[in-house]
C-alpha atoms as a PDB file:
ATOM      1  CA  MET A   1      16.254   5.603 -11.308  1.00  0.00           C
ATOM      2  CA  SER A   2      13.038   3.941  -9.997  1.00  0.00           C
ATOM      3  CA  MET A   3       9.897   3.020 -12.556  1.00  0.00           C
ATOM      4  CA  SER A   4       7.395   5.833 -12.110  1.00  0.00           C
ATOM      5  CA  THR A   5       4.619   6.739 -14.565  1.00  0.00           C
ATOM      6  CA  LYS A   6       2.547  10.512 -14.835  1.00  0.00           C
ATOM      7  CA  SER A   7      -0.511   9.896 -13.206  1.00  0.00           C
ATOM      8  CA  THR A   8      -4.242  10.002 -14.481  1.00  0.00           C
ATOM      9  CA  THR A   9      -6.174  11.321 -11.749  1.00  0.00           C
ATOM     10  CA  CYS A  10      -4.115  12.966  -9.727  1.00  0.00           C
ATOM     11  CA  ASP A  11      -2.716  16.960 -10.119  1.00  0.00           C
ATOM     12  CA  GLY A  12      -0.232  18.362  -8.365  1.00  0.00           C
ATOM     13  CA  SER A  13      -0.667  22.761  -7.420  1.00  0.00           C
ATOM     14  CA  ASN A  14       0.625  23.401 -10.861  1.00  0.00           C
ATOM     15  CA  GLY A  15      -2.310  21.236 -12.538  1.00  0.00           C
ATOM     16  CA  GLU A  16       0.222  18.963 -14.167  1.00  0.00           C
ATOM     17  CA  PRO A  17      -0.182  15.246 -13.155  1.00  0.00           C
ATOM     18  CA  LEU A  18       1.407  13.736 -10.430  1.00  0.00           C
ATOM     19  CA  THR A  19       4.202  11.171 -10.892  1.00  0.00           C
ATOM     20  CA  GLU A  20       3.287   7.544  -9.262  1.00  0.00           C
ATOM     21  CA  TYR A  21       5.582   5.400  -8.073  1.00  0.00           C
ATOM     22  CA  PRO A  22       4.203   1.903  -7.306  1.00  0.00           C
ATOM     23  CA  SER A  23       5.755   1.534  -3.686  1.00  0.00           C
ATOM     24  CA  GLU A  24       7.121   3.641  -0.643  1.00  0.00           C
ATOM     25  CA  ALA A  25      10.794   2.103  -1.821  1.00  0.00           C
ATOM     26  CA  THR A  26      10.540   3.747  -5.214  1.00  0.00           C
ATOM     27  CA  ALA A  27       9.495   7.183  -4.245  1.00  0.00           C
ATOM     28  CA  LEU A  28      12.335   7.235  -1.627  1.00  0.00           C
ATOM     29  CA  GLU A  29      14.863   6.645  -4.030  1.00  0.00           C
ATOM     30  CA  ALA A  30      13.063   9.026  -6.246  1.00  0.00           C
ATOM     31  CA  ALA A  31      13.027  11.369  -3.646  1.00  0.00           C
ATOM     32  CA  ARG A  32      16.710  10.672  -2.693  1.00  0.00           C
ATOM     33  CA  TYR A  33      17.856  10.963  -6.221  1.00  0.00           C
ATOM     34  CA  ALA A  34      16.240  14.823  -6.461  1.00  0.00           C
ATOM     35  CA  SER A  35      17.974  15.542  -3.073  1.00  0.00           C
ATOM     36  CA  LYS A  36      21.423  14.869  -4.905  1.00  0.00           C
ATOM     37  CA  HIS A  37      20.967  16.065  -8.331  1.00  0.00           C
ATOM     38  CA  TYR A  38      18.609  18.723  -8.143  1.00  0.00           C
ATOM     39  CA  ARG A  39      18.576  19.589  -4.455  1.00  0.00           C
ATOM     40  CA  SER A  40      14.930  19.709  -3.826  1.00  0.00           C
ATOM     41  CA  ASP A  41      13.843  18.346  -0.284  1.00  0.00           C
ATOM     42  CA  LEU A  42      11.034  16.087  -1.124  1.00  0.00           C
ATOM     43  CA  VAL A  43       9.003  13.633   0.859  1.00  0.00           C
ATOM     44  CA  PRO A  44       6.740  10.829  -0.206  1.00  0.00           C
ATOM     45  CA  TYR A  45       3.343  10.427   1.043  1.00  0.00           C
ATOM     46  CA  ARG A  46       0.873   7.593   0.179  1.00  0.00           C
ATOM     47  CA  CYS A  47      -1.873   9.134  -2.320  1.00  0.00           C
ATOM     48  CA  SER A  48      -5.271   8.087  -0.232  1.00  0.00           C
ATOM     49  CA  ARG A  49      -6.781   9.158  -3.733  1.00  0.00           C
ATOM     50  CA  CYS A  50      -5.079   6.783  -6.156  1.00  0.00           C
ATOM     51  CA  ASP A  51      -3.413   4.483  -3.768  1.00  0.00           C
ATOM     52  CA  TYR A  52      -0.265   4.932  -5.412  1.00  0.00           C
ATOM     53  CA  TRP A  53       3.171   6.872  -4.043  1.00  0.00           C
ATOM     54  CA  HIS A  54       3.562  10.946  -5.063  1.00  0.00           C
ATOM     55  CA  LEU A  55       6.584  13.137  -3.560  1.00  0.00           C
ATOM     56  CA  SER A  56       5.636  16.484  -2.254  1.00  0.00           C
ATOM     57  CA  ARG A  57       7.947  19.152  -1.023  1.00  0.00           C
ATOM     58  CA  ARG A  58       8.614  19.030   2.947  1.00  0.00           C
ATOM     59  CA  SER A  59       7.423  22.585   3.397  1.00  0.00           C
ATOM     60  CA  ARG A  60       3.574  21.016   1.892  1.00  0.00           C
ATOM     61  CA  ASN A  61       3.491  17.934   4.025  1.00  0.00           C
ATOM     62  CA  THR A  62       0.714  17.656   5.594  1.00  0.00           C
ATOM     63  CA  PRO A  63      -0.097  14.022   6.547  1.00  0.00           C
ATOM     64  CA  SER A  64      -3.719  12.515   5.707  1.00  0.00           C
ATOM     65  CA  ASP A  65      -5.958   9.670   6.093  1.00  0.00           C
ATOM     66  CA  ARG A  66      -9.973   9.520   4.932  1.00  0.00           C
ATOM     67  CA  CYS A  67     -12.333   9.958   8.062  1.00  0.00           C
ATOM     68  CA  SER A  68     -14.102   6.546   8.142  1.00  0.00           C
ATOM     69  CA  PHE A  69     -17.476   8.667   9.270  1.00  0.00           C
ATOM     70  CA  CYS A  70     -17.135  12.086   7.982  1.00  0.00           C
ATOM     71  CA  THR A  71     -17.948  13.154   4.103  1.00  0.00           C
ATOM     72  CA  SER A  72     -17.898  16.016   1.860  1.00  0.00           C
ATOM     73  CA  SER A  73     -20.998  17.511   0.788  1.00  0.00           C
ATOM     74  CA  SER A  74     -20.462  15.677  -2.622  1.00  0.00           C
ATOM     75  CA  GLY A  75     -20.323  13.124  -0.577  1.00  0.00           C
ATOM     76  CA  GLU A  76     -16.697  11.715  -0.113  1.00  0.00           C
ATOM     77  CA  PRO A  77     -14.847  10.624   2.588  1.00  0.00           C
ATOM     78  CA  LYS A  78     -13.101  13.703   4.371  1.00  0.00           C
ATOM     79  CA  ASP A  79      -9.215  14.187   4.582  1.00  0.00           C
ATOM     80  CA  SER A  80      -8.325  13.680   7.930  1.00  0.00           C
ATOM     81  CA  TYR A  81      -5.341  15.293   9.221  1.00  0.00           C
ATOM     82  CA  ARG A  82      -3.129  13.832  12.326  1.00  0.00           C
ATOM     83  CA  SER A  83      -2.554  17.319  13.991  1.00  0.00           C
ATOM     84  CA  GLU A  84      -4.246  20.556  14.556  1.00  0.00           C
ATOM     85  CA  ARG A  85      -1.259  21.966  12.985  1.00  0.00           C
ATOM     86  CA  ASP A  86      -0.981  19.994   9.627  1.00  0.00           C
ATOM     87  CA  ALA A  87      -4.670  20.557   9.181  1.00  0.00           C
ATOM     88  CA  VAL A  88      -3.738  24.853   9.918  1.00  0.00           C
ATOM     89  CA  ARG A  89      -0.777  24.134   6.931  1.00  0.00           C
ATOM     90  CA  ARG A  90      -3.101  22.796   4.727  1.00  0.00           C
ATOM     91  CA  ALA A  91      -5.633  25.353   5.544  1.00  0.00           C
ATOM     92  CA  GLN A  92      -2.984  28.062   4.930  1.00  0.00           C
ATOM     93  CA  ILE A  93      -1.519  26.109   1.584  1.00  0.00           C
ATOM     94  CA  ILE A  94      -5.158  26.282  -0.460  1.00  0.00           C
ATOM     95  CA  ARG A  95      -5.265  29.880   0.577  1.00  0.00           C
ATOM     96  CA  GLU A  96      -2.349  30.752  -1.136  1.00  0.00           C
ATOM     97  CA  GLU A  97      -2.365  28.772  -3.897  1.00  0.00           C
ATOM     98  CA  ARG A  98      -6.797  28.571  -4.948  1.00  0.00           C
ATOM     99  CA  GLY A  99      -7.464  31.860  -2.683  1.00  0.00           C
ATOM    100  CA  LEU A 100     -10.252  29.875  -0.212  1.00  0.00           C
ATOM    101  CA  GLN A 101     -10.308  30.811   2.938  1.00  0.00           C
ATOM    102  CA  LEU A 102     -11.002  27.237   4.940  1.00  0.00           C
ATOM    103  CA  GLN A 103     -11.756  26.262   9.104  1.00  0.00           C
ATOM    104  CA  VAL A 104      -9.765  23.872  10.817  1.00  0.00           C
ATOM    105  CA  TYR A 105     -12.359  21.553  13.389  1.00  0.00           C
ATOM    106  CA  ALA A 106     -12.012  18.726  15.683  1.00  0.00           C
ATOM    107  CA  CYS A 107     -13.267  15.162  14.492  1.00  0.00           C
ATOM    108  CA  PRO A 108     -16.847  14.604  16.265  1.00  0.00           C
ATOM    109  CA  HIS A 109     -15.278  10.585  15.793  1.00  0.00           C
ATOM    110  CA  ASN A 110     -12.567  11.853  17.582  1.00  0.00           C
ATOM    111  CA  GLN A 111     -10.287  10.739  13.908  1.00  0.00           C
ATOM    112  CA  GLY A 112      -8.036  14.226  13.258  1.00  0.00           C
ATOM    113  CA  TRP A 113      -8.877  17.411  12.154  1.00  0.00           C
ATOM    114  CA  HIS A 114     -11.005  18.178   9.585  1.00  0.00           C
ATOM    115  CA  LEU A 115     -11.446  21.469   6.747  1.00  0.00           C
ATOM    116  CA  THR A 116     -14.481  23.667   5.998  1.00  0.00           C
ATOM    117  CA  ARG A 117     -15.258  26.324   4.103  1.00  0.00           C
ATOM    118  CA  GLY A 118     -17.716  27.528   7.397  1.00  0.00           C
END
């Protein structure tokens, strides 16, 4: 099984620390293991917060990058979703998990799609 540790910076939707993988290869190995042994459909993604790799259920996966131009109200770079569909899906997930109603809009700098509280 691959080398992994529990994150000190990133938590899952259940509030528990996410598992960190040092490379895409080790995350892919863990996803394959979970599929084979637990029938879990997981995909690896590189975290823009900690720069490690985590696993996500395929149904929750909405790839994003940090926008080079736009910031949140707290001054942090905004997540930029590659497609409007991915941004809408992330907004739905956040609404289901946290009860927050978010709006989707195109980045004014053509860096993808962002979320806002409206």
